C-alpha atoms as a PDB file:
ATOM      1  CA  UNK A   1      32.173  30.641 -49.299  1.00  0.00           C
ATOM      2  CA  UNK A   2      30.932  28.991 -46.117  1.00  0.00           C
ATOM      3  CA  UNK A   3      30.319  30.663 -42.808  1.00  0.00           C
ATOM      4  CA  UNK A   4      33.303  30.279 -40.445  1.00  0.00           C
ATOM      5  CA  UNK A   5      32.832  27.783 -37.638  1.00  0.00           C
ATOM      6  CA  UNK A   6      34.319  30.187 -35.074  1.00  0.00           C
ATOM      7  CA  UNK A   7      33.151  33.740 -34.355  1.00  0.00           C
ATOM      8  CA  UNK A   8      35.134  36.623 -35.783  1.00  0.00           C
ATOM      9  CA  UNK A   9      37.690  38.141 -33.393  1.00  0.00           C
ATOM     10  CA  UNK A  10      36.466  41.672 -34.206  1.00  0.00           C
ATOM     11  CA  UNK A  11      32.988  43.087 -34.808  1.00  0.00           C
ATOM     12  CA  UNK A  12      31.946  42.645 -38.423  1.00  0.00           C
ATOM     13  CA  UNK A  13      29.347  44.480 -40.472  1.00  0.00           C
ATOM     14  CA  UNK A  14      28.643  43.772 -44.087  1.00  0.00           C
ATOM     15  CA  UNK A  15      28.670  46.828 -46.329  1.00  0.00           C
ATOM     16  CA  UNK A  16      25.877  45.306 -48.428  1.00  0.00           C
ATOM     17  CA  UNK A  17      24.220  41.901 -48.733  1.00  0.00           C
ATOM     18  CA  UNK A  18      25.819  38.742 -47.290  1.00  0.00           C
ATOM     19  CA  UNK A  19      26.473  37.154 -50.701  1.00  0.00           C
ATOM     20  CA  UNK A  20      29.167  39.722 -51.530  1.00  0.00           C
ATOM     21  CA  UNK A  21      32.902  39.066 -51.232  1.00  0.00           C
ATOM     22  CA  UNK A  22      34.042  38.827 -47.622  1.00  0.00           C
ATOM     23  CA  UNK A  23      37.465  38.735 -46.051  1.00  0.00           C
ATOM     24  CA  UNK A  24      38.881  35.204 -45.864  1.00  0.00           C
ATOM     25  CA  UNK A  25      37.972  33.341 -42.684  1.00  0.00           C
ATOM     26  CA  UNK A  26      40.636  32.776 -40.069  1.00  0.00           C
ATOM     27  CA  UNK A  27      42.003  29.257 -40.067  1.00  0.00           C
ATOM     28  CA  UNK A  28      41.912  28.015 -36.460  1.00  0.00           C
ATOM     29  CA  UNK A  29      44.038  25.015 -37.411  1.00  0.00           C
ATOM     30  CA  UNK A  30      46.940  27.240 -38.517  1.00  0.00           C
ATOM     31  CA  UNK A  31      48.147  27.620 -34.922  1.00  0.00           C
ATOM     32  CA  UNK A  32      48.039  23.863 -34.333  1.00  0.00           C
ATOM     33  CA  UNK A  33      49.763  23.210 -37.660  1.00  0.00           C
ATOM     34  CA  UNK A  34      52.513  25.658 -36.756  1.00  0.00           C
ATOM     35  CA  UNK A  35      53.018  23.991 -33.378  1.00  0.00           C
ATOM     36  CA  UNK A  36      53.207  20.636 -35.135  1.00  0.00           C
ATOM     37  CA  UNK A  37      55.866  21.910 -37.561  1.00  0.00           C
ATOM     38  CA  UNK A  38      57.883  23.320 -34.652  1.00  0.00           C
ATOM     39  CA  UNK A  39      57.633  19.969 -32.884  1.00  0.00           C
ATOM     40  CA  UNK A  40      58.928  18.210 -35.990  1.00  0.00           C
ATOM     41  CA  UNK A  41      62.091  20.302 -36.103  1.00  0.00           C
ATOM     42  CA  UNK A  42      61.201  23.675 -37.571  1.00  0.00           C
ATOM     43  CA  UNK A  43      63.765  26.408 -37.056  1.00  0.00           C
ATOM     44  CA  UNK A  44      62.969  29.947 -35.857  1.00  0.00           C
ATOM     45  CA  UNK A  45      61.739  30.913 -39.315  1.00  0.00           C
ATOM     46  CA  UNK A  46      59.281  27.996 -39.252  1.00  0.00           C
ATOM     47  CA  UNK A  47      61.141  25.975 -41.853  1.00  0.00           C
ATOM     48  CA  UNK A  48      63.023  22.705 -41.287  1.00  0.00           C
ATOM     49  CA  UNK A  49      66.751  23.003 -40.704  1.00  0.00           C
ATOM     50  CA  UNK A  50      68.219  23.493 -44.207  1.00  0.00           C
ATOM     51  CA  UNK A  51      71.305  21.262 -44.013  1.00  0.00           C
ATOM     52  CA  UNK A  52      70.206  17.905 -45.388  1.00  0.00           C
ATOM     53  CA  UNK A  53      73.468  16.065 -44.634  1.00  0.00           C
ATOM     54  CA  UNK A  54      72.811  16.215 -40.874  1.00  0.00           C
ATOM     55  CA  UNK A  55      71.149  13.324 -39.079  1.00  0.00           C
ATOM     56  CA  UNK A  56      67.444  13.974 -38.233  1.00  0.00           C
ATOM     57  CA  UNK A  57      68.126  14.262 -34.490  1.00  0.00           C
ATOM     58  CA  UNK A  58      70.912  16.753 -35.094  1.00  0.00           C
ATOM     59  CA  UNK A  59      68.696  18.788 -37.418  1.00  0.00           C
ATOM     60  CA  UNK A  60      66.064  18.997 -34.672  1.00  0.00           C
ATOM     61  CA  UNK A  61      68.719  20.052 -32.130  1.00  0.00           C
ATOM     62  CA  UNK A  62      69.949  22.797 -34.464  1.00  0.00           C
ATOM     63  CA  UNK A  63      66.388  23.968 -35.084  1.00  0.00           C
ATOM     64  CA  UNK A  64      65.781  24.093 -31.310  1.00  0.00           C
ATOM     65  CA  UNK A  65      68.981  26.101 -30.839  1.00  0.00           C
ATOM     66  CA  UNK A  66      67.897  28.471 -33.616  1.00  0.00           C
ATOM     67  CA  UNK A  67      64.531  29.040 -31.914  1.00  0.00           C
ATOM     68  CA  UNK A  68      66.207  29.609 -28.544  1.00  0.00           C
ATOM     69  CA  UNK A  69      68.615  32.115 -30.108  1.00  0.00           C
ATOM     70  CA  UNK A  70      65.702  34.028 -31.633  1.00  0.00           C
ATOM     71  CA  UNK A  71      64.039  34.148 -28.205  1.00  0.00           C
ATOM     72  CA  UNK A  72      67.316  35.176 -26.577  1.00  0.00           C
ATOM     73  CA  UNK A  73      67.662  38.071 -28.977  1.00  0.00           C
ATOM     74  CA  UNK A  74      64.149  39.321 -28.151  1.00  0.00           C
ATOM     75  CA  UNK A  75      64.754  38.982 -24.387  1.00  0.00           C
ATOM     76  CA  UNK A  76      68.068  40.843 -24.616  1.00  0.00           C
ATOM     77  CA  UNK A  77      66.548  43.618 -26.741  1.00  0.00           C
ATOM     78  CA  UNK A  78      63.828  44.062 -24.110  1.00  0.00           C
ATOM     79  CA  UNK A  79      66.431  44.030 -21.343  1.00  0.00           C
ATOM     80  CA  UNK A  80      68.545  46.655 -23.141  1.00  0.00           C
ATOM     81  CA  UNK A  81      65.528  48.904 -23.691  1.00  0.00           C
ATOM     82  CA  UNK A  82      64.516  48.574 -20.027  1.00  0.00           C
ATOM     83  CA  UNK A  83      68.055  49.381 -18.890  1.00  0.00           C
ATOM     84  CA  UNK A  84      68.208  52.470 -21.104  1.00  0.00           C
ATOM     85  CA  UNK A  85      64.898  53.665 -19.679  1.00  0.00           C
ATOM     86  CA  UNK A  86      66.201  53.001 -16.156  1.00  0.00           C
ATOM     87  CA  UNK A  87      69.285  55.122 -16.820  1.00  0.00           C
ATOM     88  CA  UNK A  88      67.921  57.915 -19.002  1.00  0.00           C
ATOM     89  CA  UNK A  89      64.139  57.760 -19.012  1.00  0.00           C
ATOM     90  CA  UNK A  90      61.412  59.032 -16.714  1.00  0.00           C
ATOM     91  CA  UNK A  91      60.886  57.092 -13.484  1.00  0.00           C
ATOM     92  CA  UNK A  92      57.284  56.177 -14.333  1.00  0.00           C
ATOM     93  CA  UNK A  93      58.448  54.343 -17.491  1.00  0.00           C
ATOM     94  CA  UNK A  94      60.881  52.041 -15.636  1.00  0.00           C
ATOM     95  CA  UNK A  95      59.589  48.450 -15.596  1.00  0.00           C
ATOM     96  CA  UNK A  96      60.982  47.604 -12.166  1.00  0.00           C
ATOM     97  CA  UNK A  97      63.711  45.431 -10.703  1.00  0.00           C
ATOM     98  CA  UNK A  98      61.632  42.235 -10.750  1.00  0.00           C
ATOM     99  CA  UNK A  99      60.968  42.541 -14.477  1.00  0.00           C
ATOM    100  CA  UNK A 100      64.658  43.242 -15.087  1.00  0.00           C
ATOM    101  CA  UNK A 101      65.581  40.157 -13.067  1.00  0.00           C
ATOM    102  CA  UNK A 102      63.019  38.084 -14.965  1.00  0.00           C
ATOM    103  CA  UNK A 103      64.468  39.182 -18.298  1.00  0.00           C
ATOM    104  CA  UNK A 104      67.959  38.278 -17.100  1.00  0.00           C
ATOM    105  CA  UNK A 105      66.800  34.859 -15.919  1.00  0.00           C
ATOM    106  CA  UNK A 106      65.024  34.252 -19.231  1.00  0.00           C
ATOM    107  CA  UNK A 107      68.244  35.148 -21.046  1.00  0.00           C
ATOM    108  CA  UNK A 108      70.221  32.745 -18.868  1.00  0.00           C
ATOM    109  CA  UNK A 109      67.738  29.919 -19.464  1.00  0.00           C
ATOM    110  CA  UNK A 110      67.723  30.483 -23.223  1.00  0.00           C
ATOM    111  CA  UNK A 111      71.528  30.544 -23.273  1.00  0.00           C
ATOM    112  CA  UNK A 112      71.610  27.250 -21.374  1.00  0.00           C
ATOM    113  CA  UNK A 113      69.151  25.760 -23.889  1.00  0.00           C
ATOM    114  CA  UNK A 114      71.305  26.858 -26.825  1.00  0.00           C
ATOM    115  CA  UNK A 115      74.508  25.501 -25.312  1.00  0.00           C
ATOM    116  CA  UNK A 116      72.838  22.176 -24.491  1.00  0.00           C
ATOM    117  CA  UNK A 117      71.394  21.772 -27.997  1.00  0.00           C
ATOM    118  CA  UNK A 118      74.602  22.811 -29.787  1.00  0.00           C
ATOM    119  CA  UNK A 119      76.710  20.188 -28.032  1.00  0.00           C
ATOM    120  CA  UNK A 120      77.064  17.118 -30.245  1.00  0.00           C
ATOM    121  CA  UNK A 121      75.604  13.943 -28.818  1.00  0.00           C
ATOM    122  CA  UNK A 122      78.239  11.355 -27.975  1.00  0.00           C
END
């Protein structure tokens, strides 16, 4: 096994000599490859849109909507948790009005993205 080109993200000490089995090296190209797959129409699970009878542009639009819906769910879960803490939790745990407003605006933007991508092109 070759030495990784990039340094390890965490301190590493070999238990015994360097020729022994080591953990697999991190692949720095995995992030770029994932971004490339997303750009080519990967859905929120990282796979292409499964319906093959759709036109390629429509498949990309559906994959974009799927990604936006996954992001919307996360933003709304965070907003719900923050609201519950605001109502029932200790004051020092409350994230603040600006964070709440930011989460609401993110939810609005993601909803607009989904509605735009779901509309069939004329």
